[in-house]
Protein backbone atom coordinates (compact mmCIF):
# COMPACT_ATOMS: atom_id res chain seq x y z
CA UNK A 1 115.13 83.01 119.99
CA UNK A 2 117.91 81.58 117.83
CA UNK A 3 117.51 78.23 116.14
CA UNK A 4 120.06 76.04 114.42
CA UNK A 5 118.73 73.28 112.20
CA UNK A 6 121.19 70.71 110.99
CA UNK A 7 120.67 68.20 108.20
CA UNK A 8 122.58 65.89 105.89
CA UNK A 9 123.91 63.19 108.19
CA UNK A 10 123.42 59.50 107.61
CA UNK A 11 125.04 56.19 106.77
CA UNK A 12 127.70 56.12 104.08
CA UNK A 13 130.25 53.59 102.93
CA UNK A 14 133.98 54.21 103.34
CA UNK A 15 135.19 56.47 100.58
CA UNK A 16 131.79 58.06 100.20
CA UNK A 17 130.66 61.64 100.60
CA UNK A 18 128.11 63.59 102.60
CA UNK A 19 127.17 67.24 102.82
CA UNK A 20 126.02 68.66 106.13
CA UNK A 21 124.00 71.85 106.39
CA UNK A 22 123.20 74.10 109.33
CA UNK A 23 120.67 76.88 108.93
CA UNK A 24 120.55 79.64 111.54
CA UNK A 25 117.42 81.67 112.17
CA UNK A 26 116.03 84.00 114.79
CA UNK A 27 116.80 87.36 116.32
CA UNK A 28 120.30 87.80 114.99
CA UNK A 29 121.97 90.87 113.61
CA UNK A 30 125.04 89.15 112.22
CA UNK A 31 126.87 85.83 112.35
CA UNK A 32 130.58 85.87 113.06
CA UNK A 33 132.24 82.49 113.23
CA UNK A 34 130.59 79.30 112.01
CA UNK A 35 132.11 75.95 112.77
CA UNK A 36 131.58 72.21 112.79
CA UNK A 37 132.53 69.97 115.69
CA UNK A 38 132.14 66.26 116.13
CA UNK A 39 131.88 63.85 119.01
CA UNK A 40 132.55 60.16 118.61
CA UNK A 41 131.26 57.64 121.16
CA UNK A 42 133.33 57.78 124.31
CA UNK A 43 135.36 60.76 123.13
CA UNK A 44 135.32 64.47 123.72
CA UNK A 45 133.81 66.89 121.28
CA UNK A 46 136.44 68.21 118.89
CA UNK A 47 136.70 70.94 116.31
CA UNK A 48 136.55 69.83 112.69
CA UNK A 49 136.52 73.09 110.72
CA UNK A 50 135.67 76.74 111.20
CA UNK A 51 135.03 79.74 108.99
CA UNK A 52 134.98 83.42 109.79
CA UNK A 53 132.62 85.89 108.21
CA UNK A 54 135.44 87.10 105.96
CA UNK A 55 135.99 83.59 104.63
CA UNK A 56 139.04 82.65 106.67
CA UNK A 57 139.04 78.90 107.29
CA UNK A 58 140.57 76.57 109.84
CA UNK A 59 140.79 72.81 109.49
CA UNK A 60 142.12 70.19 111.82
CA UNK A 61 144.79 67.97 110.34
CA UNK A 62 142.72 64.82 110.13
CA UNK A 63 140.24 66.37 107.67
CA UNK A 64 142.52 68.55 105.56
CA UNK A 65 142.09 67.74 101.89
CA UNK A 66 138.90 65.76 102.54
CA UNK A 67 136.43 68.19 104.14
CA UNK A 68 135.45 71.66 102.98
CA UNK A 69 133.57 74.20 105.05
CA UNK A 70 131.60 76.94 103.33
CA UNK A 71 128.91 79.44 104.24
CA UNK A 72 126.15 81.38 102.58
CA UNK A 73 125.79 84.60 104.53
CA UNK A 74 122.60 85.53 102.69
CA UNK A 75 120.99 82.30 103.90
CA UNK A 76 122.72 82.24 107.32
CA UNK A 77 123.79 78.71 106.51
CA UNK A 78 127.04 76.83 106.93
CA UNK A 79 127.95 73.66 105.08
CA UNK A 80 130.45 70.88 105.52
CA UNK A 81 131.26 68.89 102.42
CA UNK A 82 132.86 65.62 103.48
CA UNK A 83 134.62 63.36 100.98
CA UNK A 84 136.77 60.24 101.22
CA UNK A 85 135.01 59.38 104.44
CA UNK A 86 136.62 56.89 106.78
CA UNK A 87 135.18 54.76 109.60
CA UNK A 88 137.07 57.03 111.99
CA UNK A 89 134.88 59.93 110.86
CA UNK A 90 131.89 58.26 112.49
CA UNK A 91 130.50 60.71 115.04
CA UNK A 92 127.71 63.12 115.80
CA UNK A 93 128.48 66.37 114.02
CA UNK A 94 127.48 69.64 115.65
CA UNK A 95 127.15 73.08 114.16
CA UNK A 96 128.46 75.96 116.28
CA UNK A 97 127.97 79.66 115.62
CA UNK A 98 128.89 82.92 117.30
CA UNK A 99 126.33 85.58 116.60
CA UNK A 100 125.61 89.20 117.29
CA UNK A 101 122.10 89.22 118.67
CA UNK A 102 119.74 92.07 117.91
CA UNK A 103 120.21 93.08 121.54
CA UNK A 104 123.85 93.80 120.54
CA UNK A 105 125.33 91.06 122.70
CA UNK A 106 127.37 88.16 121.34
CA UNK A 107 126.24 84.61 121.97
CA UNK A 108 127.39 81.13 121.07
CA UNK A 109 124.89 78.51 119.95
CA UNK A 110 125.02 74.80 119.18
CA UNK A 111 122.96 72.73 116.81
CA UNK A 112 121.21 69.56 117.89
CA UNK A 113 123.74 67.33 116.17
CA UNK A 114 123.45 65.11 113.14
CA UNK A 115 124.87 61.58 113.19
CA UNK A 116 127.31 60.41 110.56
CA UNK A 117 128.12 56.71 110.31
CA UNK A 118 130.81 55.47 107.95
CA UNK A 119 130.56 51.72 107.56
CA UNK A 120 130.44 49.03 104.94
């Protein structure tokens, strides 16, 4: 009923940039929080950045100044602009959203993940 389609991952050299996108569609009335998480091999999934509907943002320390989260509420899409990428940023990046379904209940959804590899 609700689909999240991620795109934008790939292979990039250290110092490079990538822009991830996550488009949400389906039977939703409104989208509250939108966030990006990542999971590196052998590690737990961790929050990278989050953005509320009012524009309030949260960043974890290791991406501050390098990553920027943004959203287009008209397109139900969240973006993650990543710059100055480091090998330690290599991970699968997941979109996460909290939505108000048309049935008036709140749900949390995850994207399928998009891999990002930072390597020379």
